Amino acid sequence: MADTRKKNADWSIKTNDDGTTPTPDAHLATLMDIRDELQRLNSLLHCSNFVAIPRKLDAIKRNTAKKRKTRRP
């Protein structure tokens, strides 16, 4: 079976003579916008700075923790 998804294609959106967009084409435009934003988020989530955030937060937590007071007998 051939792949018919037309992945990452820029589809043309039709407009009516009065400047409005037909509903199916408006849905298509919305889905294309969502696809673009998801691709952008996916690239950011794989960024080394983003991936390192948990380690940096753990280091900050360790470095800012209050020291335990020693009890005197």
Protein backbone atom coordinates (compact mmCIF):
# COMPACT_ATOMS: atom_id res chain seq x y z
CA MET A 1 0.00 0.00 0.00
CA ALA A 2 1.40 3.37 -1.01
CA ASP A 3 1.75 6.23 1.47
CA THR A 4 -0.93 8.73 0.45
CA ARG A 5 -0.60 11.14 3.39
CA LYS A 6 1.41 13.76 1.48
CA LYS A 7 3.50 14.37 4.58
CA ASN A 8 4.67 17.98 5.11
CA ALA A 9 3.00 19.20 1.94
CA ASP A 10 1.81 22.79 1.69
CA TRP A 11 -1.77 22.53 0.53
CA SER A 12 -3.57 25.33 -1.25
CA ILE A 13 -6.51 26.87 0.56
CA LYS A 14 -9.39 28.07 -1.60
CA THR A 15 -11.22 31.32 -0.96
CA ASN A 16 -14.64 32.33 -2.23
CA ASP A 17 -15.26 35.38 -4.41
CA ASP A 18 -16.43 37.32 -1.35
CA GLY A 19 -13.16 36.65 0.48
CA THR A 20 -14.46 33.96 2.83
CA THR A 21 -12.95 30.51 3.14
CA PRO A 22 -15.07 27.37 2.72
CA THR A 23 -15.39 25.34 5.93
CA PRO A 24 -13.39 22.28 4.74
CA ASP A 25 -10.54 24.56 3.62
CA ALA A 26 -10.65 26.45 6.92
CA HIS A 27 -10.34 23.12 8.74
CA LEU A 28 -7.39 22.22 6.53
CA ALA A 29 -5.70 25.56 7.26
CA THR A 30 -6.20 25.04 11.00
CA LEU A 31 -4.71 21.55 10.83
CA MET A 32 -1.73 22.87 8.87
CA ASP A 33 -1.13 25.51 11.57
CA ILE A 34 -1.34 22.86 14.29
CA ARG A 35 1.11 20.68 12.35
CA ASP A 36 3.59 23.55 12.07
CA GLU A 37 3.38 24.30 15.80
CA LEU A 38 3.78 20.63 16.73
CA GLN A 39 6.86 20.35 14.52
CA ARG A 40 8.30 23.45 16.21
CA LEU A 41 7.58 22.07 19.69
CA ASN A 42 9.09 18.72 18.76
CA SER A 43 12.31 20.40 17.65
CA LEU A 44 12.45 22.39 20.90
CA LEU A 45 11.82 19.32 23.05
CA HIS A 46 14.87 17.63 21.56
CA CYS A 47 17.05 20.67 22.20
CA SER A 48 19.96 19.94 24.57
CA ASN A 49 19.12 22.99 26.70
CA PHE A 50 15.57 21.74 27.25
CA VAL A 51 16.65 18.19 27.99
CA ALA A 52 19.14 19.46 30.60
CA ILE A 53 16.51 21.36 32.64
CA PRO A 54 15.77 18.51 35.11
CA ARG A 55 19.47 18.08 35.92
CA LYS A 56 19.90 21.81 36.41
CA LEU A 57 16.87 21.97 38.70
CA ASP A 58 18.22 19.08 40.77
CA ALA A 59 21.57 20.85 41.10
CA ILE A 60 19.86 24.05 42.20
CA LYS A 61 17.82 22.11 44.76
CA ARG A 62 20.95 20.46 46.17
CA ASN A 63 22.87 23.74 46.32
CA THR A 64 20.09 25.70 47.99
CA ALA A 65 18.99 23.12 50.54
CA LYS A 66 19.27 24.19 54.15
CA LYS A 67 22.07 22.53 56.04
CA ARG A 68 21.06 20.32 58.92
CA LYS A 69 21.95 21.62 62.32
CA THR A 70 24.05 19.33 64.44
CA ARG A 71 22.54 18.44 67.78
CA ARG A 72 24.61 19.07 70.84
CA PRO A 73 24.53 16.38 73.52
